[in-house]
Amino acid sequence: MPVSRRLFIAAAGAALGSGLGHAAAQSYGQRVAVTGDDGRAVANTILPGEITGQISALRGVTYVGPREAGTTLYEFYDFNCPYCRKAAADMVALHDSDGELRIGLFHNPILSPQSAQAAKVMLAVQRRLGSEAAWGFYRTLLGKPGRIDGPGALTAAAALGIPQAEVEEIADSEEVRMALKSQMRMAADLGLYATPSYVLGNSGILGHPGARALAKMIASMRRCDRLAC
């Protein structure tokens, strides 16, 4: 299924115009001593509250889990990041096993214009059908092998019953362009230069530590407001 040239150009422009090169990256080290499922140290830092406080106000974020949850885990990902495929499966497992956790998905397509194409299509799905459908779309795309691009994303959207022309129109809208740009700018402002990366409470986590490690961090955050107590 061919993707329109207009969608391709708009996606590339969103990726290149995000302001990534002008953001002040945070100093990620081992602010809290935590390890991933592989036993390696996980880079993390304390994030500025004046920036993290803006996260919940951004548009186009896909949420799953209870609206009034006390704990929210934000994932910043790129559809063509190989580690994001494992991360997606682990996010699904966390969602299924922790009924008190809220998950927010942020697009950060820094690897290729194709990633930005797919991100714009998911934003169109989210705008047209809501977060539950967008969550399923995320699971579907990241559950498939191979490169993810605009045509593949449009095929997945068509399976949800949205006509391709309608998806492209929404994906090419100014609202979607601004939503994608704001999500990428947030990732840049938080110094999240790896995909996937996470925000949990006031902590930033670089890379994917694994489902068990994330579950431990979530439990610690609930107990003492830190990644490890």
Foldseek 3Di string as FASTA:
>chain_A
DDDDPLLLVLLVCLLVPLCLVPADADDWDCPDFFAFPVRHTWTKDFADPVLVVCVVVFPLKQKDADPPAPWEKEKEAFLPDLLVLQVLVLVVVCVVVDRRYMYIYFYAHNPDSFSSLLQLLLSLCCVVPNRVVSNVLSNVSSPDDDDHGNVNSLVSVVVVVDDSVSSSVSSSDPSSSVSNSVRNNSCSNHNAPAPTWMDIQRMTIHDDRGNVLVVQQNVCCVVPVGSHD
